[in-house]
Amino acid sequence: MELKTTATVNVQSSKKWSGLQHHMEHNPNVNHSNKDINQSLTKYNVHGVIAHRDKILKQHYGHFITEHDAKQKRSDRKYGSVTAYLEKQHGQPDITAVATFGSKELLEPFTEQLYQEALRNQAFKGNLSRVNFNRHLLATYAYGLKKYAQGFNRRNSHITLTEYYAHLDEGGAPHLHYEAIPRGHTTTGKPSERLTRALLAQYGTDKEKQAKGNKEKNMEYMRKWRNQEDQALVRCMNAAFKERFKTPVKFELTRTGLALKLPMELYKKHADEIVKLKQIKENLETKNKALQASVDRENKRSEELKQANDDLAEKLRREEIDRIRRKKEQAKERAELDKKHEDIERQKQEQAKERAELDKKHEYIEQQKQKIVVAKRNLDAEREQNNQFYVLLGKAYSLLGKNFQYKGKNVNYEVAKGKLVPREFNKSGVPLLADLIRTSAVERLKQLQGLTLNHGIVTHHDQTPSKSLSKSRDDDFGPDL
């Protein structure tokens, strides 16, 4: 598992360690200002002493005090002890700091994820309730903070951590309060209680140690030291989780972008100015509140006007949109109407064209009807002429002595017309008349000569007689004629 987390070291140089111990111990009988303390978790807090404060102070200031007192002839100018020296110098030889690992927002989801991973781990199977897990987790955080405190003096050659308290029972993230003694020197070689001089002795060059008032370097080394300690805190937590948890956990340091705190020596140097500035700030804040109230009223009025203006602009915009939309719709409707008119005109033209074509067809049909009437009239006249011709032709048959009978009925007209053909002649119509005339002439000649002729057999004109005639075999159209 990997987690990007924060780690910060906050130096509280204005607070004395002795005044904070009642807070550090989290005694349940003391009414603490911090109301987030959970007394049930206080047992997981860790307290430790890395170095004896008096011994470190004696090492740092003892040689200087001894040399100084040896040079003094008057007893009132001698310091006599480190405590007397610090009281006369009004110095605070130690600093207090808080090393905080992560944040509540980062660690809460990580805790849940780690618990689920631990449940899947065979090493904890069946023996890891949520209560036991929380206890184990708090003990691991305490162990990581303890490892950080124990390695502090190895990392820092001119800052000595003397005592620490690891707190796991507060509402926020796990953190470590500790006391440390800066062991730097001034440009003249005098022991200094300032953290900036200790950092300069730890990181700076010989030339930088002799320089005065190098604020940029002081800030640079403060950032360097803060980064060193932040990284160390993360490494100690990684080592603690690796040792106490079977589930591999890797923390990675990330920055939140917060500025570093003001170094102690700069704070003390400008303390009076800071007080005055705070008073000015309070006055300005009071005036600012009044101005802010006025500004808020103006802003509110401005917002109302702006809102009214925005509403009006929105109304006008919507009206303009509606106008444009209506205009487009009207244009579209006009275009559709124009198209419909064009379609109607085109349909009218097509209908007129169709009517003209129909009129032309009607005229043509009337012409054809007239022609048919005329043709029918001509045909009727021709039929009448033909009928008269056939009547005359039948009469001619009679004049020549031929009265053809069929079923007891004279059929000279039908023979003349060609509907019936006498078998005797196998002809009808005009050809039959010609044969009859020729036959009549021959018979007349034979009569003159005393000869007689027998009548022939009448047959149909075509080779296949009609059914109505072929059924009767009497008169001139029978088989025996």
Protein backbone atom coordinates (compact mmCIF):
# COMPACT_ATOMS: atom_id res chain seq x y z
CA MET A 1 0.00 0.00 0.00
CA GLU A 2 1.19 3.50 -0.80
CA LEU A 3 0.01 6.77 0.70
CA LYS A 4 1.10 10.33 0.02
CA THR A 5 1.11 12.04 3.39
CA THR A 6 2.24 15.24 5.04
CA ALA A 7 4.84 15.53 7.78
CA THR A 8 5.61 18.83 9.44
CA VAL A 9 7.86 20.13 12.20
CA ASN A 10 6.56 23.31 13.84
CA VAL A 11 9.02 25.17 16.10
CA GLN A 12 7.39 26.93 19.09
CA SER A 13 10.35 28.96 20.31
CA SER A 14 8.25 31.33 22.45
CA LYS A 15 6.89 28.54 24.66
CA LYS A 16 8.84 27.16 27.60
CA TRP A 17 8.97 23.41 27.98
CA SER A 18 8.40 23.57 31.73
CA GLY A 19 5.16 25.45 31.16
CA LEU A 20 3.91 22.85 28.72
CA GLN A 21 4.52 19.71 30.76
CA HIS A 22 1.08 19.73 32.35
CA HIS A 23 -0.34 19.64 28.86
CA MET A 24 2.11 16.95 27.73
CA GLU A 25 1.23 14.52 30.52
CA HIS A 26 -2.53 14.55 29.78
CA ASN A 27 -3.34 14.01 33.45
CA PRO A 28 -7.07 13.17 33.69
CA ASN A 29 -7.28 15.16 36.96
CA VAL A 30 -6.23 18.36 35.16
CA ASN A 31 -8.77 20.51 33.31
CA HIS A 32 -7.09 20.80 29.91
CA SER A 33 -7.92 23.53 27.42
CA ASN A 34 -7.83 20.88 24.71
CA LYS A 35 -11.28 19.26 24.87
CA ASP A 36 -10.47 16.70 22.15
CA ILE A 37 -8.40 14.48 24.44
CA ASN A 38 -9.74 10.91 24.55
CA GLN A 39 -8.74 9.58 27.97
CA SER A 40 -9.27 5.98 26.85
CA LEU A 41 -6.39 6.40 24.38
CA THR A 42 -3.99 8.23 26.70
CA LYS A 43 -2.35 4.92 27.61
CA TYR A 44 -0.90 4.74 24.07
CA ASN A 45 1.01 8.02 24.57
CA VAL A 46 4.78 7.65 24.91
CA HIS A 47 7.19 9.74 27.01
CA GLY A 48 10.96 9.56 26.81
CA VAL A 49 14.17 11.34 27.84
CA ILE A 50 17.00 11.20 25.30
CA ALA A 51 19.51 13.49 27.04
CA HIS A 52 19.68 15.30 30.37
CA ARG A 53 18.95 18.98 29.90
CA ASP A 54 21.37 20.23 32.58
CA LYS A 55 24.19 18.14 31.25
CA ILE A 56 23.72 19.46 27.69
CA LEU A 57 23.50 23.05 28.90
CA LYS A 58 26.68 22.61 30.92
CA GLN A 59 28.46 21.18 27.89
CA HIS A 60 27.31 24.08 25.73
CA TYR A 61 27.78 26.99 28.16
CA GLY A 62 30.13 25.60 30.88
CA HIS A 63 33.48 26.23 29.20
CA PHE A 64 32.52 29.77 28.21
CA ILE A 65 31.28 30.57 31.74
CA THR A 66 34.43 29.13 33.34
CA GLU A 67 36.72 31.20 31.09
CA HIS A 68 34.61 34.31 31.63
CA ASP A 69 34.58 33.98 35.42
CA ALA A 70 38.32 33.35 35.52
CA LYS A 71 38.92 36.69 33.86
CA GLN A 72 36.70 38.60 36.29
CA LYS A 73 38.13 40.03 39.52
CA ARG A 74 34.82 41.27 40.87
CA SER A 75 32.47 38.58 42.12
CA ASP A 76 29.34 40.42 40.99
CA ARG A 77 30.51 40.14 37.39
CA LYS A 78 30.94 36.41 37.59
CA TYR A 79 28.12 34.10 36.45
CA GLY A 80 28.99 31.18 38.69
CA SER A 81 26.56 28.76 36.99
CA VAL A 82 24.66 28.18 33.77
CA THR A 83 21.38 29.06 35.43
CA ALA A 84 22.73 32.40 36.65
CA TYR A 85 24.20 33.10 33.21
CA LEU A 86 20.88 32.44 31.46
CA GLU A 87 18.99 34.59 33.94
CA LYS A 88 21.36 37.51 33.42
CA GLN A 89 21.25 37.08 29.67
CA HIS A 90 17.45 36.67 29.72
CA GLY A 91 17.94 33.83 27.30
CA GLN A 92 15.77 30.79 26.70
CA PRO A 93 18.23 28.01 25.95
CA ASP A 94 15.76 25.50 24.60
CA ILE A 95 13.07 25.34 21.94
CA THR A 96 9.87 23.35 21.82
CA ALA A 97 8.64 21.80 18.60
CA VAL A 98 5.80 19.62 17.34
CA ALA A 99 6.40 16.95 14.72
CA THR A 100 3.07 15.96 13.15
CA PHE A 101 2.59 12.95 10.89
CA GLY A 102 -0.20 13.16 8.33
CA SER A 103 -3.64 14.62 8.92
CA LYS A 104 -7.02 13.35 10.02
CA GLU A 105 -8.37 13.68 6.47
CA LEU A 106 -5.52 11.58 5.03
CA LEU A 107 -5.23 8.93 7.73
CA GLU A 108 -8.90 8.04 8.23
CA PRO A 109 -9.42 6.48 4.74
CA PHE A 110 -5.92 4.95 4.96
CA THR A 111 -6.87 3.27 8.26
CA GLU A 112 -9.94 1.65 6.71
CA GLN A 113 -7.96 0.45 3.69
CA LEU A 114 -5.18 -0.92 5.90
CA TYR A 115 -7.72 -2.77 8.04
CA GLN A 116 -9.19 -4.50 4.98
CA GLU A 117 -5.68 -5.45 3.81
CA ALA A 118 -4.84 -6.81 7.25
CA LEU A 119 -7.96 -8.98 7.25
CA ARG A 120 -6.77 -10.62 4.05
CA ASN A 121 -3.33 -11.24 5.54
CA GLN A 122 -2.85 -14.80 6.80
CA ALA A 123 -0.80 -13.57 9.77
CA PHE A 124 -3.90 -11.87 11.28
CA LYS A 125 -6.51 -14.39 10.16
CA GLY A 126 -9.13 -14.97 12.84
CA ASN A 127 -7.33 -12.81 15.38
CA LEU A 128 -7.90 -9.21 14.27
CA SER A 129 -10.99 -7.48 15.55
CA ARG A 130 -11.43 -3.81 14.81
CA VAL A 131 -10.59 -2.96 18.41
CA ASN A 132 -7.36 -4.96 18.32
CA PHE A 133 -6.47 -3.43 14.97
CA ASN A 134 -6.94 0.12 16.30
CA ARG A 135 -4.78 -0.66 19.32
CA HIS A 136 -2.07 -2.12 17.12
CA LEU A 137 -2.26 0.88 14.76
CA LEU A 138 -1.95 3.44 17.58
CA ALA A 139 0.99 1.52 19.07
CA THR A 140 2.64 1.54 15.63
CA TYR A 141 2.23 5.31 15.28
CA ALA A 142 3.68 5.75 18.77
CA TYR A 143 6.59 3.45 17.86
CA GLY A 144 7.31 5.48 14.69
CA LEU A 145 7.30 8.78 16.63
CA LYS A 146 9.58 7.23 19.24
CA LYS A 147 12.04 6.09 16.55
CA TYR A 148 12.00 9.62 15.13
CA ALA A 149 12.86 11.12 18.55
CA GLN A 150 15.59 8.56 19.20
CA GLY A 151 17.31 9.34 15.88
CA PHE A 152 17.03 13.14 16.19
CA ASN A 153 20.44 13.70 17.84
CA ARG A 154 22.20 11.52 15.26
CA ARG A 155 20.76 13.65 12.46
CA ASN A 156 21.56 16.99 14.07
CA SER A 157 25.09 17.83 15.22
CA HIS A 158 24.18 21.19 16.81
CA ILE A 159 20.64 20.60 18.10
CA THR A 160 20.07 18.18 20.96
CA LEU A 161 16.65 16.69 21.73
CA THR A 162 16.31 16.12 25.47
CA GLU A 163 12.73 15.04 26.17
CA TYR A 164 9.62 14.14 24.15
CA TYR A 165 5.94 13.19 24.44
CA ALA A 166 4.16 11.25 21.69
CA HIS A 167 0.41 11.95 21.67
CA LEU A 168 -2.12 9.54 20.14
CA ASP A 169 -5.18 10.52 22.19
CA GLU A 170 -6.07 13.87 20.59
CA GLY A 171 -8.59 14.40 17.84
CA GLY A 172 -6.04 15.19 15.13
CA ALA A 173 -3.09 13.34 13.63
CA PRO A 174 -0.36 11.53 15.63
CA HIS A 175 2.29 14.05 16.77
CA LEU A 176 5.35 14.43 18.93
CA HIS A 177 6.13 17.30 21.31
CA TYR A 178 9.81 17.64 22.09
CA GLU A 179 12.33 19.92 23.77
CA ALA A 180 15.61 20.62 22.00
CA ILE A 181 18.65 22.74 22.86
CA PRO A 182 20.30 24.66 19.97
CA ARG A 183 24.08 24.64 20.31
CA GLY A 184 25.38 27.31 17.98
CA HIS A 185 27.76 30.22 18.45
CA THR A 186 27.78 33.89 17.63
CA THR A 187 30.29 35.42 15.22
CA THR A 188 32.54 36.13 18.24
CA GLY A 189 32.45 32.53 19.43
CA LYS A 190 30.03 33.08 22.28
CA PRO A 191 27.51 30.23 22.90
CA SER A 192 24.13 31.07 21.34
CA GLU A 193 20.67 29.80 22.19
CA ARG A 194 19.25 30.76 18.79
CA LEU A 195 18.10 28.02 16.44
CA THR A 196 19.31 29.94 13.39
CA ARG A 197 22.89 29.99 14.74
CA ALA A 198 22.69 26.27 15.44
CA LEU A 199 21.48 25.59 11.88
CA LEU A 200 24.24 27.84 10.51
CA ALA A 201 26.78 25.82 12.51
CA GLN A 202 25.25 22.60 11.24
CA TYR A 203 24.94 23.45 7.54
CA GLY A 204 26.91 26.66 6.86
CA THR A 205 30.45 27.25 5.69
CA ASP A 206 33.11 28.96 7.84
CA LYS A 207 32.59 32.17 5.90
CA GLU A 208 28.83 32.09 6.46
CA LYS A 209 29.32 31.46 10.17
CA GLN A 210 31.29 34.71 10.45
CA ALA A 211 28.73 36.74 8.48
CA LYS A 212 26.06 38.79 10.24
CA GLY A 213 22.38 39.20 9.49
CA ASN A 214 22.15 36.83 6.53
CA LYS A 215 18.39 36.38 6.58
CA GLU A 216 18.25 34.53 3.26
CA LYS A 217 20.68 31.90 4.49
CA ASN A 218 18.80 31.60 7.78
CA MET A 219 15.57 30.91 5.88
CA GLU A 220 17.33 28.55 3.48
CA TYR A 221 18.82 26.46 6.32
CA MET A 222 15.52 26.52 8.20
CA ARG A 223 13.81 25.05 5.13
CA LYS A 224 16.62 22.53 4.74
CA TRP A 225 16.32 21.44 8.37
CA ARG A 226 12.52 21.26 8.16
CA ASN A 227 12.73 19.11 5.05
CA GLN A 228 15.35 16.88 6.70
CA GLU A 229 13.13 16.29 9.74
CA ASP A 230 9.97 15.81 7.68
CA GLN A 231 11.70 13.17 5.57
CA ALA A 232 13.08 11.52 8.72
CA LEU A 233 9.60 11.32 10.26
CA VAL A 234 8.24 9.61 7.14
CA ARG A 235 11.17 7.15 7.07
CA CYS A 236 10.64 6.28 10.75
CA MET A 237 6.94 5.62 10.12
CA ASN A 238 7.77 3.41 7.12
CA ALA A 239 10.21 1.45 9.29
CA ALA A 240 7.64 1.13 12.12
CA PHE A 241 4.89 -0.18 9.82
CA LYS A 242 7.31 -2.55 8.09
CA GLU A 243 8.34 -3.97 11.45
CA ARG A 244 4.91 -4.20 13.12
CA PHE A 245 2.58 -4.85 10.16
CA LYS A 246 2.86 -7.82 7.83
CA THR A 247 1.10 -5.80 5.14
CA PRO A 248 3.70 -3.72 3.27
CA VAL A 249 3.04 0.01 3.69
CA LYS A 250 4.91 2.84 2.00
CA PHE A 251 4.40 6.46 2.96
CA GLU A 252 5.53 9.20 0.59
CA LEU A 253 6.02 12.79 1.71
CA THR A 254 3.94 15.44 -0.01
CA ARG A 255 3.79 19.19 0.56
CA THR A 256 0.74 21.31 1.17
CA GLY A 257 2.39 24.59 0.19
CA LEU A 258 2.25 26.17 3.65
CA ALA A 259 4.95 28.74 4.49
CA LEU A 260 7.62 28.08 7.13
CA LYS A 261 7.21 29.68 10.54
CA LEU A 262 9.25 32.74 11.52
CA PRO A 263 12.61 31.73 13.06
CA MET A 264 13.03 32.40 16.79
CA GLU A 265 15.84 34.98 16.52
CA LEU A 266 13.91 37.04 14.00
CA TYR A 267 10.81 36.84 16.15
CA LYS A 268 12.65 38.08 19.27
CA LYS A 269 14.44 40.81 17.34
CA HIS A 270 11.18 42.22 16.05
CA ALA A 271 8.98 41.37 19.05
CA ASP A 272 8.25 45.04 19.92
CA GLU A 273 7.51 45.83 16.34
CA ILE A 274 5.24 42.82 16.17
CA VAL A 275 3.28 44.03 19.22
CA LYS A 276 2.84 47.47 17.68
CA LEU A 277 1.90 45.92 14.40
CA LYS A 278 -0.64 43.74 16.14
CA GLN A 279 -2.21 46.83 17.76
CA ILE A 280 -2.24 48.59 14.41
CA LYS A 281 -3.68 45.45 12.92
CA GLU A 282 -6.48 45.38 15.50
CA ASN A 283 -7.30 49.04 14.83
CA LEU A 284 -7.21 48.44 11.14
CA GLU A 285 -9.37 45.37 11.56
CA THR A 286 -11.93 47.45 13.49
CA LYS A 287 -11.95 50.09 10.78
CA ASN A 288 -11.89 47.39 8.19
CA LYS A 289 -14.98 45.78 9.72
CA ALA A 290 -16.84 49.08 9.44
CA LEU A 291 -15.58 49.58 5.93
CA GLN A 292 -16.33 45.97 5.15
CA ALA A 293 -19.89 46.42 6.40
CA SER A 294 -20.23 49.46 4.14
CA VAL A 295 -18.59 47.57 1.31
CA ASP A 296 -20.88 44.62 1.95
CA ARG A 297 -23.91 46.91 1.75
CA GLU A 298 -22.57 48.43 -1.45
CA ASN A 299 -21.70 45.01 -2.76
CA LYS A 300 -25.16 43.79 -1.87
CA ARG A 301 -26.68 46.81 -3.63
CA SER A 302 -24.32 46.27 -6.52
CA GLU A 303 -25.22 42.60 -6.62
CA GLU A 304 -28.91 43.50 -6.59
CA LEU A 305 -28.38 46.00 -9.40
CA LYS A 306 -26.21 43.52 -11.22
CA GLN A 307 -28.86 40.85 -10.70
CA ALA A 308 -31.57 43.24 -11.92
CA ASN A 309 -29.39 44.16 -14.89
CA ASP A 310 -28.68 40.49 -15.55
CA ASP A 311 -32.39 39.70 -15.29
CA LEU A 312 -33.20 42.54 -17.68
CA ALA A 313 -30.43 41.49 -20.03
CA GLU A 314 -31.67 37.90 -19.82
CA LYS A 315 -35.23 39.06 -20.49
CA LEU A 316 -34.11 41.13 -23.47
CA ARG A 317 -31.97 38.26 -24.69
CA ARG A 318 -34.88 35.87 -24.47
CA GLU A 319 -37.18 38.38 -26.19
CA GLU A 320 -34.61 38.86 -28.91
CA ILE A 321 -34.29 35.10 -29.24
CA ASP A 322 -38.09 34.80 -29.41
CA ARG A 323 -38.23 37.62 -31.98
CA ILE A 324 -35.55 36.00 -34.10
CA ARG A 325 -37.25 32.63 -33.70
CA ARG A 326 -40.64 34.11 -34.72
CA LYS A 327 -38.99 35.90 -37.64
CA LYS A 328 -37.40 32.66 -38.74
CA GLU A 329 -40.69 30.81 -38.31
CA GLN A 330 -42.54 33.51 -40.28
CA ALA A 331 -39.89 33.42 -42.99
CA LYS A 332 -40.18 29.65 -43.01
CA GLU A 333 -43.97 29.86 -43.18
CA ARG A 334 -43.76 32.43 -46.02
CA ALA A 335 -41.33 30.19 -47.83
CA GLU A 336 -43.67 27.24 -47.32
CA LEU A 337 -46.66 29.33 -48.51
CA ASP A 338 -44.69 30.51 -51.54
CA LYS A 339 -43.77 26.94 -52.24
CA LYS A 340 -47.40 25.88 -51.85
CA HIS A 341 -48.48 28.72 -54.20
CA GLU A 342 -45.86 27.59 -56.66
CA ASP A 343 -47.08 24.03 -56.31
CA ILE A 344 -50.69 25.19 -56.79
CA GLU A 345 -49.73 27.24 -59.86
CA ARG A 346 -47.75 24.33 -61.21
CA GLN A 347 -50.69 22.02 -60.52
CA LYS A 348 -53.02 24.53 -62.21
CA GLN A 349 -50.74 24.64 -65.22
CA GLU A 350 -50.53 20.87 -65.23
CA GLN A 351 -54.33 20.63 -64.88
CA ALA A 352 -54.78 23.20 -67.65
CA LYS A 353 -52.38 21.20 -69.77
CA GLU A 354 -54.24 18.02 -68.88
CA ARG A 355 -57.58 19.71 -69.69
CA ALA A 356 -56.20 20.90 -73.00
CA GLU A 357 -54.98 17.36 -73.69
CA LEU A 358 -58.36 15.99 -72.59
CA ASP A 359 -60.18 18.53 -74.76
CA LYS A 360 -57.92 17.55 -77.60
CA LYS A 361 -58.63 13.89 -76.93
CA HIS A 362 -62.38 14.60 -76.67
CA GLU A 363 -62.19 16.51 -79.92
CA TYR A 364 -60.30 13.64 -81.48
CA ILE A 365 -62.82 11.15 -80.08
CA GLU A 366 -65.70 13.26 -81.43
CA GLN A 367 -63.94 13.34 -84.77
CA GLN A 368 -63.52 9.61 -84.64
CA LYS A 369 -67.15 9.22 -83.62
CA GLN A 370 -68.19 11.36 -86.58
CA LYS A 371 -65.98 9.30 -88.81
CA ILE A 372 -67.45 6.13 -87.35
CA VAL A 373 -70.97 7.48 -87.86
CA VAL A 374 -70.14 8.40 -91.45
CA ALA A 375 -68.41 5.05 -91.98
CA LYS A 376 -71.37 3.25 -90.43
CA ARG A 377 -73.72 5.27 -92.60
CA ASN A 378 -71.63 4.43 -95.66
CA LEU A 379 -71.44 0.81 -94.53
CA ASP A 380 -75.19 0.69 -94.03
CA ALA A 381 -75.69 2.25 -97.46
CA GLU A 382 -73.23 -0.22 -98.94
CA ARG A 383 -74.97 -3.08 -97.14
CA GLU A 384 -78.30 -1.81 -98.45
CA GLN A 385 -76.89 -1.69 -101.96
CA ASN A 386 -75.42 -5.15 -101.49
CA ASN A 387 -78.71 -6.45 -100.16
CA GLN A 388 -80.53 -4.98 -103.17
CA PHE A 389 -77.89 -6.53 -105.39
CA TYR A 390 -78.35 -9.90 -103.68
CA VAL A 391 -82.14 -9.55 -104.02
CA LEU A 392 -81.76 -8.77 -107.72
CA LEU A 393 -79.26 -11.60 -108.05
CA GLY A 394 -81.77 -14.01 -106.41
CA LYS A 395 -84.45 -12.76 -108.77
CA ALA A 396 -82.03 -13.32 -111.61
CA TYR A 397 -81.67 -16.94 -110.41
CA SER A 398 -85.48 -17.20 -110.56
CA LEU A 399 -85.65 -15.68 -114.03
CA LEU A 400 -83.12 -18.26 -115.13
CA GLY A 401 -85.36 -20.94 -113.68
CA LYS A 402 -83.51 -21.64 -110.48
CA ASN A 403 -85.39 -21.43 -107.25
CA PHE A 404 -83.19 -23.05 -104.67
CA GLN A 405 -85.01 -24.60 -101.73
CA TYR A 406 -83.80 -25.46 -98.23
CA LYS A 407 -86.15 -27.02 -95.77
CA GLY A 408 -89.04 -26.01 -97.96
CA LYS A 409 -87.95 -22.38 -98.09
CA ASN A 410 -86.64 -20.38 -101.07
CA VAL A 411 -83.01 -19.54 -100.40
CA ASN A 412 -82.05 -17.71 -103.58
CA TYR A 413 -81.09 -14.62 -101.50
CA GLU A 414 -78.83 -16.69 -99.27
CA VAL A 415 -77.20 -18.35 -102.27
CA ALA A 416 -76.72 -14.99 -103.96
CA LYS A 417 -75.15 -13.69 -100.77
CA GLY A 418 -72.88 -16.74 -100.52
CA LYS A 419 -74.31 -18.10 -97.28
CA LEU A 420 -75.45 -21.26 -99.10
CA VAL A 421 -73.78 -23.00 -102.04
CA PRO A 422 -75.71 -25.48 -104.26
CA ARG A 423 -73.85 -28.78 -104.62
CA GLU A 424 -74.75 -28.91 -108.25
CA PHE A 425 -72.72 -25.91 -109.12
CA ASN A 426 -70.44 -25.64 -106.16
CA LYS A 427 -70.69 -21.87 -106.58
CA SER A 428 -72.77 -19.00 -105.39
CA GLY A 429 -73.24 -15.34 -106.02
CA VAL A 430 -72.25 -13.84 -109.35
CA PRO A 431 -70.17 -16.84 -110.50
CA LEU A 432 -73.25 -18.99 -110.06
CA LEU A 433 -75.27 -16.47 -112.12
CA ALA A 434 -72.68 -16.68 -114.85
CA ASP A 435 -72.86 -20.49 -114.85
CA LEU A 436 -76.68 -20.33 -114.87
CA ILE A 437 -76.67 -17.93 -117.80
CA ARG A 438 -74.21 -20.14 -119.62
CA THR A 439 -76.24 -23.25 -118.70
CA SER A 440 -79.47 -21.59 -119.74
CA ALA A 441 -78.01 -20.68 -123.09
CA VAL A 442 -76.76 -24.20 -123.60
CA GLU A 443 -80.11 -25.67 -122.64
CA ARG A 444 -81.89 -23.31 -124.99
CA LEU A 445 -79.63 -24.45 -127.78
CA LYS A 446 -80.23 -28.06 -126.82
CA GLN A 447 -83.96 -27.49 -126.79
CA LEU A 448 -83.69 -26.13 -130.20
CA GLN A 449 -81.83 -29.23 -131.09
CA GLY A 450 -84.31 -31.40 -129.17
CA LEU A 451 -82.05 -32.22 -126.38
CA THR A 452 -82.88 -32.18 -122.64
CA LEU A 453 -80.61 -31.56 -119.61
CA ASN A 454 -80.93 -32.85 -116.07
CA HIS A 455 -80.55 -30.48 -113.15
CA GLY A 456 -77.23 -30.72 -111.16
CA ILE A 457 -76.66 -31.09 -107.43
CA VAL A 458 -76.38 -27.96 -105.23
CA THR A 459 -73.50 -27.83 -102.68
CA HIS A 460 -72.07 -25.27 -100.28
CA HIS A 461 -69.57 -22.68 -101.51
CA ASP A 462 -66.91 -23.67 -99.05
CA GLN A 463 -65.54 -27.15 -98.60
CA THR A 464 -67.00 -27.57 -95.10
CA PRO A 465 -70.78 -27.07 -94.89
CA SER A 466 -72.26 -25.32 -91.90
CA LYS A 467 -73.70 -27.51 -89.16
CA SER A 468 -77.22 -26.18 -89.73
CA LEU A 469 -77.13 -27.06 -93.44
CA SER A 470 -75.21 -30.33 -93.19
CA LYS A 471 -77.83 -31.77 -90.89
CA SER A 472 -80.60 -31.44 -93.58
CA ARG A 473 -80.32 -33.37 -96.75
CA ASP A 474 -83.63 -32.36 -98.44
CA ASP A 475 -84.47 -30.09 -101.36
CA ASP A 476 -81.62 -28.77 -103.53
CA PHE A 477 -79.04 -28.99 -100.70
CA GLY A 478 -79.56 -32.77 -99.84
CA PRO A 479 -77.08 -35.53 -100.79
CA ASP A 480 -79.39 -37.08 -103.38
CA LEU A 481 -79.96 -34.03 -105.54
